[in-house]
N, C-alpha and C. Protein backbone atom coordinates (compact mmCIF):
# COMPACT_ATOMS: atom_id res chain seq x y z
N MET A 1 24.36 4.98 9.08
CA MET A 1 23.37 4.02 9.54
C MET A 1 23.03 4.34 11.00
N ILE A 2 21.76 4.20 11.33
CA ILE A 2 21.25 4.41 12.68
C ILE A 2 20.75 3.07 13.21
N ILE A 3 21.11 2.77 14.45
CA ILE A 3 20.65 1.54 15.10
C ILE A 3 19.81 1.93 16.31
N TYR A 4 18.60 1.43 16.34
CA TYR A 4 17.71 1.61 17.49
C TYR A 4 17.80 0.32 18.29
N ASN A 5 18.40 0.39 19.46
CA ASN A 5 18.67 -0.77 20.29
C ASN A 5 17.80 -0.73 21.54
N THR A 6 17.01 -1.77 21.75
CA THR A 6 16.23 -1.87 22.98
C THR A 6 16.72 -3.10 23.73
N THR A 7 17.10 -2.88 24.98
CA THR A 7 17.60 -3.94 25.86
C THR A 7 16.48 -4.34 26.81
N TYR A 8 16.24 -5.63 26.89
CA TYR A 8 15.17 -6.19 27.72
C TYR A 8 15.78 -7.10 28.77
N THR A 9 15.33 -6.96 30.01
CA THR A 9 15.63 -7.91 31.06
C THR A 9 14.35 -8.69 31.29
N LEU A 10 14.42 -9.99 31.02
CA LEU A 10 13.25 -10.86 31.04
C LEU A 10 13.22 -11.75 32.26
N ASP A 11 12.04 -11.97 32.77
CA ASP A 11 11.82 -13.02 33.77
C ASP A 11 12.18 -14.34 33.08
N THR A 12 12.99 -15.17 33.73
CA THR A 12 13.42 -16.42 33.09
C THR A 12 12.25 -17.31 32.68
N ALA A 13 11.13 -17.19 33.35
CA ALA A 13 9.96 -18.02 33.03
C ALA A 13 9.37 -17.70 31.67
N ILE A 14 9.63 -16.52 31.13
CA ILE A 14 9.03 -16.14 29.83
C ILE A 14 10.04 -16.10 28.70
N GLN A 15 11.30 -16.42 28.95
CA GLN A 15 12.32 -16.20 27.93
C GLN A 15 12.04 -16.92 26.61
N HIS A 16 11.58 -18.16 26.64
CA HIS A 16 11.34 -18.89 25.40
C HIS A 16 10.09 -18.36 24.69
N GLU A 17 9.05 -18.08 25.44
CA GLU A 17 7.84 -17.49 24.85
C GLU A 17 8.14 -16.13 24.24
N TRP A 18 8.91 -15.30 24.96
CA TRP A 18 9.26 -13.96 24.48
C TRP A 18 10.06 -14.06 23.17
N LEU A 19 11.08 -14.91 23.17
CA LEU A 19 11.92 -15.05 21.99
C LEU A 19 11.11 -15.52 20.79
N TYR A 20 10.25 -16.50 20.97
CA TYR A 20 9.41 -16.99 19.88
C TYR A 20 8.52 -15.86 19.35
N TRP A 21 7.86 -15.14 20.25
CA TRP A 21 6.96 -14.06 19.86
C TRP A 21 7.71 -12.94 19.15
N VAL A 22 8.88 -12.58 19.66
CA VAL A 22 9.67 -11.52 19.02
C VAL A 22 10.06 -11.92 17.61
N ARG A 23 10.50 -13.14 17.41
CA ARG A 23 10.95 -13.61 16.09
C ARG A 23 9.80 -13.82 15.11
N THR A 24 8.64 -14.26 15.58
CA THR A 24 7.56 -14.62 14.66
C THR A 24 6.49 -13.56 14.49
N ASP A 25 6.39 -12.62 15.42
CA ASP A 25 5.33 -11.62 15.38
C ASP A 25 5.88 -10.20 15.43
N TYR A 26 6.60 -9.90 16.49
CA TYR A 26 7.04 -8.53 16.76
C TYR A 26 7.96 -7.96 15.68
N VAL A 27 9.08 -8.61 15.45
CA VAL A 27 10.03 -8.10 14.44
C VAL A 27 9.44 -8.13 13.03
N PRO A 28 8.75 -9.21 12.62
CA PRO A 28 8.13 -9.17 11.29
C PRO A 28 7.15 -8.00 11.12
N ALA A 29 6.38 -7.68 12.15
CA ALA A 29 5.46 -6.55 12.07
C ALA A 29 6.22 -5.23 11.93
N ILE A 30 7.33 -5.10 12.63
CA ILE A 30 8.16 -3.90 12.50
C ILE A 30 8.73 -3.80 11.09
N LEU A 31 9.20 -4.91 10.54
CA LEU A 31 9.77 -4.90 9.19
C LEU A 31 8.72 -4.52 8.15
N GLU A 32 7.46 -4.83 8.42
CA GLU A 32 6.39 -4.47 7.49
C GLU A 32 6.20 -2.96 7.33
N THR A 33 6.74 -2.17 8.25
CA THR A 33 6.65 -0.71 8.10
C THR A 33 7.44 -0.24 6.88
N GLY A 34 8.40 -1.03 6.44
CA GLY A 34 9.23 -0.66 5.30
C GLY A 34 10.33 0.33 5.64
N LEU A 35 10.49 0.66 6.91
CA LEU A 35 11.48 1.66 7.31
C LEU A 35 12.78 1.05 7.81
N VAL A 36 12.73 -0.19 8.24
CA VAL A 36 13.88 -0.86 8.84
C VAL A 36 14.63 -1.64 7.76
N THR A 37 15.95 -1.45 7.71
CA THR A 37 16.75 -2.14 6.69
C THR A 37 17.28 -3.49 7.15
N ALA A 38 17.41 -3.68 8.48
CA ALA A 38 17.88 -4.95 9.03
C ALA A 38 17.51 -5.00 10.50
N SER A 39 17.47 -6.23 11.03
CA SER A 39 17.17 -6.40 12.45
C SER A 39 17.98 -7.55 13.01
N ARG A 40 18.18 -7.51 14.33
CA ARG A 40 18.87 -8.58 15.04
C ARG A 40 18.22 -8.75 16.41
N VAL A 41 18.19 -9.97 16.87
CA VAL A 41 17.79 -10.27 18.24
C VAL A 41 19.00 -10.95 18.87
N LEU A 42 19.47 -10.40 19.97
CA LEU A 42 20.70 -10.87 20.60
C LEU A 42 20.46 -11.17 22.08
N ARG A 43 21.26 -12.08 22.62
CA ARG A 43 21.20 -12.39 24.04
C ARG A 43 22.55 -12.09 24.66
N LEU A 44 22.54 -11.42 25.79
CA LEU A 44 23.77 -11.13 26.52
C LEU A 44 24.27 -12.43 27.15
N ILE A 45 25.52 -12.77 26.90
CA ILE A 45 26.05 -14.03 27.43
C ILE A 45 26.97 -13.83 28.62
N SER A 46 27.43 -12.62 28.88
CA SER A 46 28.28 -12.40 30.04
C SER A 46 27.40 -12.20 31.27
N ASP A 47 27.86 -12.69 32.37
CA ASP A 47 27.10 -12.56 33.62
C ASP A 47 27.60 -11.32 34.35
N VAL A 48 26.79 -10.31 34.40
CA VAL A 48 27.15 -9.08 35.09
C VAL A 48 26.25 -8.88 36.31
N GLY A 49 25.79 -9.99 36.88
CA GLY A 49 24.98 -9.95 38.07
C GLY A 49 23.52 -9.58 37.84
N GLN A 50 23.08 -9.66 36.58
CA GLN A 50 21.69 -9.31 36.29
C GLN A 50 20.73 -10.38 36.81
N GLN A 51 19.52 -9.96 37.06
CA GLN A 51 18.45 -10.87 37.43
C GLN A 51 17.67 -11.18 36.16
N GLY A 52 17.57 -12.43 35.79
CA GLY A 52 16.84 -12.80 34.58
C GLY A 52 17.75 -12.90 33.38
N VAL A 53 17.12 -12.93 32.22
CA VAL A 53 17.81 -13.06 30.94
C VAL A 53 17.81 -11.68 30.27
N VAL A 54 18.94 -11.29 29.69
CA VAL A 54 19.04 -10.00 29.03
C VAL A 54 19.18 -10.21 27.52
N CYS A 55 18.27 -9.60 26.76
CA CYS A 55 18.28 -9.68 25.30
C CYS A 55 18.13 -8.28 24.73
N THR A 56 18.53 -8.12 23.48
CA THR A 56 18.32 -6.86 22.79
C THR A 56 17.67 -7.11 21.45
N VAL A 57 16.90 -6.14 21.01
CA VAL A 57 16.39 -6.11 19.65
C VAL A 57 17.01 -4.88 19.00
N GLN A 58 17.74 -5.09 17.91
CA GLN A 58 18.37 -3.99 17.20
C GLN A 58 17.71 -3.82 15.84
N LEU A 59 17.34 -2.58 15.56
CA LEU A 59 16.73 -2.23 14.28
C LEU A 59 17.62 -1.24 13.57
N GLU A 60 17.93 -1.51 12.31
CA GLU A 60 18.79 -0.61 11.54
C GLU A 60 17.94 0.26 10.61
N PHE A 61 18.32 1.52 10.54
CA PHE A 61 17.69 2.49 9.65
C PHE A 61 18.76 3.12 8.78
N SER A 62 18.40 3.46 7.56
CA SER A 62 19.38 4.01 6.64
C SER A 62 19.90 5.38 7.07
N ASP A 63 19.06 6.16 7.74
CA ASP A 63 19.46 7.49 8.17
C ASP A 63 18.60 7.96 9.34
N LEU A 64 18.97 9.08 9.93
CA LEU A 64 18.27 9.60 11.10
C LEU A 64 16.84 10.00 10.78
N SER A 65 16.60 10.52 9.61
CA SER A 65 15.25 10.92 9.22
C SER A 65 14.31 9.73 9.17
N THR A 66 14.78 8.61 8.67
CA THR A 66 13.95 7.40 8.61
C THR A 66 13.66 6.89 10.02
N TYR A 67 14.67 6.91 10.88
CA TYR A 67 14.44 6.52 12.27
C TYR A 67 13.40 7.44 12.92
N GLU A 68 13.53 8.75 12.70
CA GLU A 68 12.60 9.71 13.29
C GLU A 68 11.17 9.47 12.81
N THR A 69 11.01 9.07 11.56
CA THR A 69 9.68 8.72 11.03
C THR A 69 9.13 7.51 11.78
N PHE A 70 9.98 6.49 11.95
CA PHE A 70 9.57 5.30 12.70
C PHE A 70 9.20 5.68 14.13
N ASN A 71 10.04 6.47 14.77
CA ASN A 71 9.81 6.85 16.16
C ASN A 71 8.50 7.63 16.32
N ALA A 72 8.23 8.53 15.40
CA ALA A 72 7.02 9.36 15.50
C ALA A 72 5.75 8.57 15.20
N ASN A 73 5.83 7.59 14.32
CA ASN A 73 4.62 6.92 13.84
C ASN A 73 4.40 5.50 14.36
N PHE A 74 5.46 4.82 14.80
CA PHE A 74 5.32 3.41 15.13
C PHE A 74 5.90 2.97 16.48
N ALA A 75 6.91 3.65 16.99
CA ALA A 75 7.61 3.17 18.19
C ALA A 75 6.67 2.98 19.37
N ASP A 76 5.79 3.92 19.62
CA ASP A 76 4.88 3.81 20.75
C ASP A 76 3.93 2.63 20.58
N LEU A 77 3.46 2.41 19.38
CA LEU A 77 2.56 1.28 19.10
C LEU A 77 3.25 -0.05 19.43
N PHE A 78 4.49 -0.21 18.98
CA PHE A 78 5.21 -1.46 19.24
C PHE A 78 5.57 -1.61 20.71
N TYR A 79 5.88 -0.51 21.37
CA TYR A 79 6.14 -0.55 22.82
C TYR A 79 4.90 -1.03 23.56
N ARG A 80 3.73 -0.51 23.19
CA ARG A 80 2.48 -0.92 23.83
C ARG A 80 2.19 -2.40 23.58
N ARG A 81 2.47 -2.89 22.37
CA ARG A 81 2.25 -4.32 22.08
C ARG A 81 3.10 -5.19 22.98
N MET A 82 4.35 -4.80 23.17
CA MET A 82 5.26 -5.57 24.02
C MET A 82 4.78 -5.54 25.47
N THR A 83 4.46 -4.38 25.99
CA THR A 83 4.06 -4.29 27.39
C THR A 83 2.69 -4.94 27.63
N PHE A 84 1.80 -4.87 26.66
CA PHE A 84 0.50 -5.54 26.80
C PHE A 84 0.70 -7.05 26.90
N ARG A 85 1.58 -7.55 26.08
CA ARG A 85 1.81 -9.01 26.02
C ARG A 85 2.53 -9.54 27.26
N PHE A 86 3.56 -8.80 27.73
CA PHE A 86 4.42 -9.34 28.79
C PHE A 86 4.38 -8.53 30.09
N ASN A 87 3.72 -7.41 30.11
CA ASN A 87 3.46 -6.58 31.28
C ASN A 87 4.65 -6.47 32.22
N THR A 88 4.54 -6.99 33.42
CA THR A 88 5.57 -6.79 34.45
C THR A 88 6.67 -7.85 34.41
N LYS A 89 6.68 -8.70 33.41
CA LYS A 89 7.68 -9.77 33.34
C LYS A 89 8.94 -9.37 32.59
N LEU A 90 9.03 -8.08 32.25
CA LEU A 90 10.24 -7.58 31.61
C LEU A 90 10.40 -6.10 31.92
N ALA A 91 11.63 -5.66 31.78
CA ALA A 91 11.95 -4.23 31.89
C ALA A 91 12.80 -3.91 30.67
N SER A 92 12.74 -2.66 30.21
CA SER A 92 13.50 -2.33 29.01
C SER A 92 13.98 -0.88 29.03
N PHE A 93 14.99 -0.63 28.21
CA PHE A 93 15.42 0.73 27.91
C PHE A 93 15.95 0.74 26.49
N SER A 94 15.86 1.90 25.86
CA SER A 94 16.27 2.01 24.46
C SER A 94 17.36 3.06 24.29
N THR A 95 18.21 2.83 23.28
CA THR A 95 19.24 3.79 22.90
C THR A 95 19.25 3.89 21.37
N VAL A 96 19.68 5.03 20.89
CA VAL A 96 19.82 5.25 19.45
C VAL A 96 21.31 5.45 19.19
N LEU A 97 21.85 4.65 18.27
CA LEU A 97 23.27 4.66 17.98
C LEU A 97 23.50 5.04 16.52
N GLU A 98 24.62 5.66 16.28
CA GLU A 98 25.01 5.99 14.91
C GLU A 98 26.33 5.31 14.59
N GLU A 99 26.37 4.62 13.45
CA GLU A 99 27.62 4.00 13.02
C GLU A 99 28.60 5.09 12.63
N VAL A 100 29.83 4.98 13.13
CA VAL A 100 30.87 5.98 12.80
C VAL A 100 32.04 5.33 12.13
């Protein structure tokens, strides 16, 4: 299993709007690609001195090939949707993990 994890640091003023949008629009649109087998939206609860609220969106793929298909055909589109909607009110980075 492959997990595509994107960590977001959100301006506290948008945290509720962001969470609602991610749950009702963003993740459902990603699931419609038919490539993702499961998804999670998580919030970091430990305080490590971050500014704002830290959340992650995790997408599971059955294998690396399926993730690569998503990355080549959809990842940039979804990244643009997120940045268009929230612009400078969040920062993000992504990692790709493999279950061992």
